[in-house]
Amino acid sequence: MFDNAIFLAASFAAMSAGLSATVAKVSPTIGPRLRHLFAGTAPIAAVLGMRLTEADSVTLQGMDLFAAGGLVVLGVVTSTLVGKAVPSARILPQGVDDRHALPH
């Protein structure tokens, strides 16, 4: 699929980790399952987009799709691990003041 598989996997994991941390902080209403699914699968568009822009006509072989599936699994696992390290921002119920909320 690509020349350097280690670089590709590392950059894919970094993209997934960045997306997961950003979504956790910016949009805390998205649940963890949806966040991990989004953060794990969204970078594949960039990876396959790079592959498809190499020539006017590109054929994705079975190994390309198999590698893309492996990258998606890597992305979801990375997002899950980042989710444990970077918790979502808390959303307090309406009418609850943060100063009077009980500590966790």
N, C-alpha and C. Protein backbone atom coordinates (compact mmCIF):
# COMPACT_ATOMS: atom_id res chain seq x y z
N MET A 1 0.82 -1.19 0.00
CA MET A 1 0.00 0.00 0.00
C MET A 1 0.87 1.25 0.00
N PHE A 2 1.74 1.35 0.95
CA PHE A 2 2.65 2.49 1.05
C PHE A 2 4.05 1.96 1.31
N ASP A 3 5.04 2.77 1.06
CA ASP A 3 6.42 2.32 1.18
C ASP A 3 6.84 2.04 2.62
N ASN A 4 6.49 2.90 3.54
CA ASN A 4 6.93 2.77 4.91
C ASN A 4 5.73 2.49 5.82
N ALA A 5 5.54 1.24 6.16
CA ALA A 5 4.37 0.84 6.95
C ALA A 5 4.44 1.36 8.38
N ILE A 6 5.63 1.42 8.95
CA ILE A 6 5.78 1.91 10.32
C ILE A 6 5.38 3.38 10.41
N PHE A 7 5.85 4.18 9.46
CA PHE A 7 5.48 5.60 9.44
C PHE A 7 3.98 5.77 9.23
N LEU A 8 3.40 4.99 8.36
CA LEU A 8 1.97 5.06 8.11
C LEU A 8 1.17 4.72 9.36
N ALA A 9 1.52 3.65 10.03
CA ALA A 9 0.80 3.25 11.25
C ALA A 9 0.97 4.29 12.35
N ALA A 10 2.17 4.82 12.50
CA ALA A 10 2.40 5.83 13.54
C ALA A 10 1.63 7.11 13.25
N SER A 11 1.63 7.54 12.00
CA SER A 11 0.89 8.77 11.67
C SER A 11 -0.61 8.55 11.79
N PHE A 12 -1.09 7.37 11.46
CA PHE A 12 -2.52 7.07 11.60
C PHE A 12 -2.91 7.07 13.07
N ALA A 13 -2.09 6.47 13.92
CA ALA A 13 -2.36 6.45 15.35
C ALA A 13 -2.34 7.87 15.92
N ALA A 14 -1.41 8.69 15.45
CA ALA A 14 -1.34 10.08 15.92
C ALA A 14 -2.58 10.87 15.50
N MET A 15 -3.03 10.65 14.27
CA MET A 15 -4.26 11.33 13.82
C MET A 15 -5.46 10.89 14.65
N SER A 16 -5.56 9.61 14.94
CA SER A 16 -6.67 9.10 15.75
C SER A 16 -6.62 9.64 17.17
N ALA A 17 -5.43 9.68 17.74
CA ALA A 17 -5.28 10.20 19.10
C ALA A 17 -5.65 11.68 19.16
N GLY A 18 -5.20 12.44 18.18
CA GLY A 18 -5.52 13.87 18.15
C GLY A 18 -7.01 14.11 17.99
N LEU A 19 -7.64 13.37 17.11
CA LEU A 19 -9.09 13.53 16.92
C LEU A 19 -9.85 13.15 18.18
N SER A 20 -9.45 12.07 18.82
CA SER A 20 -10.14 11.62 20.02
C SER A 20 -10.03 12.65 21.14
N ALA A 21 -8.83 13.17 21.36
CA ALA A 21 -8.64 14.18 22.41
C ALA A 21 -9.40 15.46 22.09
N THR A 22 -9.40 15.86 20.84
CA THR A 22 -10.11 17.08 20.45
C THR A 22 -11.61 16.93 20.62
N VAL A 23 -12.15 15.82 20.17
CA VAL A 23 -13.60 15.61 20.30
C VAL A 23 -13.99 15.49 21.77
N ALA A 24 -13.16 14.88 22.59
CA ALA A 24 -13.46 14.75 24.02
C ALA A 24 -13.54 16.10 24.69
N LYS A 25 -12.69 17.02 24.31
CA LYS A 25 -12.67 18.34 24.95
C LYS A 25 -13.66 19.32 24.33
N VAL A 26 -13.83 19.26 23.01
CA VAL A 26 -14.66 20.26 22.32
C VAL A 26 -16.14 19.88 22.36
N SER A 27 -16.45 18.62 22.19
CA SER A 27 -17.84 18.19 22.12
C SER A 27 -18.11 17.06 23.10
N PRO A 28 -18.29 17.38 24.36
CA PRO A 28 -18.46 16.33 25.37
C PRO A 28 -19.80 15.61 25.28
N THR A 29 -20.74 16.10 24.47
CA THR A 29 -22.03 15.41 24.37
C THR A 29 -21.93 14.13 23.55
N ILE A 30 -20.88 13.99 22.76
CA ILE A 30 -20.68 12.76 22.00
C ILE A 30 -20.19 11.68 22.96
N GLY A 31 -20.86 10.56 22.95
CA GLY A 31 -20.49 9.46 23.84
C GLY A 31 -19.16 8.84 23.46
N PRO A 32 -18.60 8.05 24.35
CA PRO A 32 -17.28 7.47 24.08
C PRO A 32 -17.27 6.49 22.91
N ARG A 33 -18.32 5.71 22.74
CA ARG A 33 -18.33 4.74 21.64
C ARG A 33 -18.32 5.44 20.29
N LEU A 34 -19.17 6.44 20.15
CA LEU A 34 -19.22 7.18 18.89
C LEU A 34 -17.92 7.95 18.66
N ARG A 35 -17.36 8.50 19.74
CA ARG A 35 -16.10 9.23 19.62
C ARG A 35 -14.98 8.31 19.14
N HIS A 36 -14.88 7.12 19.72
CA HIS A 36 -13.83 6.19 19.32
C HIS A 36 -14.04 5.69 17.90
N LEU A 37 -15.29 5.47 17.53
CA LEU A 37 -15.56 5.04 16.15
C LEU A 37 -15.18 6.14 15.16
N PHE A 38 -15.57 7.37 15.46
CA PHE A 38 -15.23 8.49 14.57
C PHE A 38 -13.72 8.71 14.50
N ALA A 39 -13.08 8.77 15.65
CA ALA A 39 -11.64 9.05 15.68
C ALA A 39 -10.83 7.91 15.08
N GLY A 40 -11.34 6.70 15.15
CA GLY A 40 -10.61 5.57 14.59
C GLY A 40 -10.78 5.40 13.10
N THR A 41 -11.92 5.85 12.57
CA THR A 41 -12.18 5.64 11.14
C THR A 41 -11.97 6.87 10.28
N ALA A 42 -12.05 8.06 10.82
CA ALA A 42 -11.93 9.28 10.01
C ALA A 42 -10.58 9.41 9.31
N PRO A 43 -9.46 9.08 9.93
CA PRO A 43 -8.17 9.24 9.23
C PRO A 43 -8.01 8.34 8.01
N ILE A 44 -8.83 7.30 7.89
CA ILE A 44 -8.69 6.41 6.72
C ILE A 44 -9.04 7.17 5.44
N ALA A 45 -9.88 8.18 5.53
CA ALA A 45 -10.20 8.99 4.35
C ALA A 45 -8.94 9.69 3.83
N ALA A 46 -8.13 10.20 4.74
CA ALA A 46 -6.89 10.86 4.32
C ALA A 46 -5.91 9.86 3.73
N VAL A 47 -5.82 8.69 4.34
CA VAL A 47 -4.87 7.67 3.86
C VAL A 47 -5.28 7.17 2.47
N LEU A 48 -6.54 6.81 2.32
CA LEU A 48 -6.98 6.32 1.01
C LEU A 48 -7.01 7.45 -0.02
N GLY A 49 -7.26 8.68 0.43
CA GLY A 49 -7.20 9.82 -0.48
C GLY A 49 -5.81 10.01 -1.05
N MET A 50 -4.79 9.83 -0.24
CA MET A 50 -3.41 9.91 -0.73
C MET A 50 -3.14 8.82 -1.75
N ARG A 51 -3.67 7.64 -1.47
CA ARG A 51 -3.47 6.51 -2.39
C ARG A 51 -4.17 6.75 -3.72
N LEU A 52 -5.34 7.33 -3.69
CA LEU A 52 -6.13 7.53 -4.90
C LEU A 52 -5.64 8.70 -5.74
N THR A 53 -4.85 9.61 -5.18
CA THR A 53 -4.36 10.75 -5.96
C THR A 53 -3.02 10.47 -6.63
N GLU A 54 -2.51 9.26 -6.52
CA GLU A 54 -1.21 8.93 -7.12
C GLU A 54 -1.26 8.91 -8.64
N ALA A 55 -2.39 8.57 -9.22
CA ALA A 55 -2.49 8.46 -10.67
C ALA A 55 -3.93 8.73 -11.10
N ASP A 56 -4.13 8.82 -12.41
CA ASP A 56 -5.47 9.05 -12.93
C ASP A 56 -6.39 7.86 -12.66
N SER A 57 -5.85 6.66 -12.73
CA SER A 57 -6.63 5.45 -12.50
C SER A 57 -5.90 4.58 -11.49
N VAL A 58 -6.54 4.33 -10.36
CA VAL A 58 -5.91 3.56 -9.29
C VAL A 58 -6.83 2.40 -8.93
N THR A 59 -6.25 1.24 -8.79
CA THR A 59 -6.99 0.06 -8.36
C THR A 59 -6.53 -0.31 -6.96
N LEU A 60 -7.47 -0.40 -6.04
CA LEU A 60 -7.13 -0.83 -4.69
C LEU A 60 -7.19 -2.35 -4.66
N GLN A 61 -6.09 -2.96 -4.34
CA GLN A 61 -6.00 -4.41 -4.27
C GLN A 61 -6.55 -4.89 -2.92
N GLY A 62 -6.70 -6.18 -2.79
CA GLY A 62 -7.20 -6.76 -1.55
C GLY A 62 -6.33 -6.44 -0.36
N MET A 63 -5.02 -6.44 -0.55
CA MET A 63 -4.11 -6.13 0.56
C MET A 63 -4.22 -4.67 0.98
N ASP A 64 -4.53 -3.78 0.04
CA ASP A 64 -4.75 -2.38 0.39
C ASP A 64 -5.94 -2.25 1.33
N LEU A 65 -7.01 -2.94 1.00
CA LEU A 65 -8.22 -2.88 1.84
C LEU A 65 -8.00 -3.60 3.16
N PHE A 66 -7.24 -4.70 3.14
CA PHE A 66 -6.91 -5.40 4.38
C PHE A 66 -6.07 -4.51 5.29
N ALA A 67 -5.09 -3.83 4.72
CA ALA A 67 -4.26 -2.91 5.50
C ALA A 67 -5.09 -1.75 6.03
N ALA A 68 -6.04 -1.26 5.23
CA ALA A 68 -6.91 -0.17 5.69
C ALA A 68 -7.76 -0.64 6.87
N GLY A 69 -8.23 -1.87 6.83
CA GLY A 69 -8.98 -2.42 7.97
C GLY A 69 -8.12 -2.52 9.22
N GLY A 70 -6.88 -2.93 9.05
CA GLY A 70 -5.95 -2.98 10.18
C GLY A 70 -5.69 -1.60 10.76
N LEU A 71 -5.59 -0.60 9.88
CA LEU A 71 -5.39 0.76 10.37
C LEU A 71 -6.61 1.27 11.14
N VAL A 72 -7.79 0.90 10.69
CA VAL A 72 -9.00 1.31 11.41
C VAL A 72 -9.02 0.68 12.80
N VAL A 73 -8.65 -0.58 12.90
CA VAL A 73 -8.59 -1.24 14.21
C VAL A 73 -7.55 -0.54 15.09
N LEU A 74 -6.39 -0.23 14.53
CA LEU A 74 -5.37 0.51 15.27
C LEU A 74 -5.90 1.86 15.73
N GLY A 75 -6.64 2.55 14.87
CA GLY A 75 -7.19 3.86 15.22
C GLY A 75 -8.20 3.78 16.35
N VAL A 76 -9.08 2.78 16.32
CA VAL A 76 -10.09 2.64 17.38
C VAL A 76 -9.41 2.28 18.71
N VAL A 77 -8.42 1.41 18.68
CA VAL A 77 -7.70 1.05 19.91
C VAL A 77 -6.95 2.27 20.45
N THR A 78 -6.31 3.02 19.57
CA THR A 78 -5.60 4.23 20.01
C THR A 78 -6.57 5.23 20.62
N SER A 79 -7.72 5.42 19.99
CA SER A 79 -8.72 6.35 20.51
C SER A 79 -9.23 5.90 21.87
N THR A 80 -9.40 4.60 22.05
CA THR A 80 -9.86 4.08 23.33
C THR A 80 -8.83 4.34 24.42
N LEU A 81 -7.55 4.13 24.10
CA LEU A 81 -6.49 4.39 25.08
C LEU A 81 -6.39 5.88 25.41
N VAL A 82 -6.54 6.72 24.40
CA VAL A 82 -6.52 8.17 24.65
C VAL A 82 -7.73 8.57 25.48
N GLY A 83 -8.87 7.93 25.25
CA GLY A 83 -10.08 8.22 26.02
C GLY A 83 -9.92 7.94 27.49
N LYS A 84 -9.07 6.97 27.84
CA LYS A 84 -8.82 6.69 29.25
C LYS A 84 -7.91 7.75 29.87
N ALA A 85 -7.03 8.33 29.06
CA ALA A 85 -6.09 9.33 29.57
C ALA A 85 -6.68 10.73 29.54
N VAL A 86 -7.54 11.01 28.56
CA VAL A 86 -8.13 12.35 28.40
C VAL A 86 -9.64 12.20 28.56
N PRO A 87 -10.16 12.44 29.75
CA PRO A 87 -11.60 12.29 29.94
C PRO A 87 -12.37 13.41 29.25
N SER A 88 -13.63 13.13 28.97
CA SER A 88 -14.49 14.15 28.36
C SER A 88 -14.76 15.26 29.36
N ALA A 89 -15.02 16.44 28.81
CA ALA A 89 -15.40 17.57 29.66
C ALA A 89 -16.75 17.26 30.29
N ARG A 90 -16.93 17.68 31.52
CA ARG A 90 -18.19 17.42 32.20
C ARG A 90 -19.26 18.39 31.76
N ILE A 91 -20.45 17.89 31.59
CA ILE A 91 -21.60 18.74 31.33
C ILE A 91 -22.51 18.64 32.55
N LEU A 92 -22.70 19.73 33.24
CA LEU A 92 -23.56 19.72 34.41
C LEU A 92 -25.02 19.86 33.99
N PRO A 93 -25.92 19.22 34.73
CA PRO A 93 -27.34 19.39 34.41
C PRO A 93 -27.74 20.86 34.55
N GLN A 94 -28.79 21.22 33.86
CA GLN A 94 -29.23 22.61 33.88
C GLN A 94 -29.62 23.00 35.30
N GLY A 95 -29.17 24.15 35.73
CA GLY A 95 -29.48 24.66 37.05
C GLY A 95 -28.48 24.25 38.12
N VAL A 96 -27.49 23.44 37.80
CA VAL A 96 -26.48 23.03 38.77
C VAL A 96 -25.28 23.94 38.63
N ASP A 97 -24.86 24.53 39.73
CA ASP A 97 -23.71 25.41 39.73
C ASP A 97 -22.47 24.58 40.03
N ASP A 98 -21.41 24.78 39.26
CA ASP A 98 -20.20 23.99 39.39
C ASP A 98 -19.52 24.21 40.74
N ARG A 99 -19.68 25.37 41.33
CA ARG A 99 -19.05 25.65 42.61
C ARG A 99 -19.67 24.84 43.75
N HIS A 100 -20.93 24.44 43.57
CA HIS A 100 -21.62 23.71 44.62
C HIS A 100 -21.77 22.23 44.30
N ALA A 101 -21.20 21.81 43.19
CA ALA A 101 -21.28 20.39 42.81
C ALA A 101 -20.36 19.57 43.71
N LEU A 102 -20.73 18.35 43.95
CA LEU A 102 -19.92 17.48 44.79
C LEU A 102 -18.67 17.06 44.02
N PRO A 103 -17.53 16.99 44.68
CA PRO A 103 -16.30 16.55 43.99
C PRO A 103 -16.40 15.06 43.68
N HIS A 104 -15.70 14.64 42.64
CA HIS A 104 -15.71 13.21 42.25
C HIS A 104 -14.63 12.49 42.96
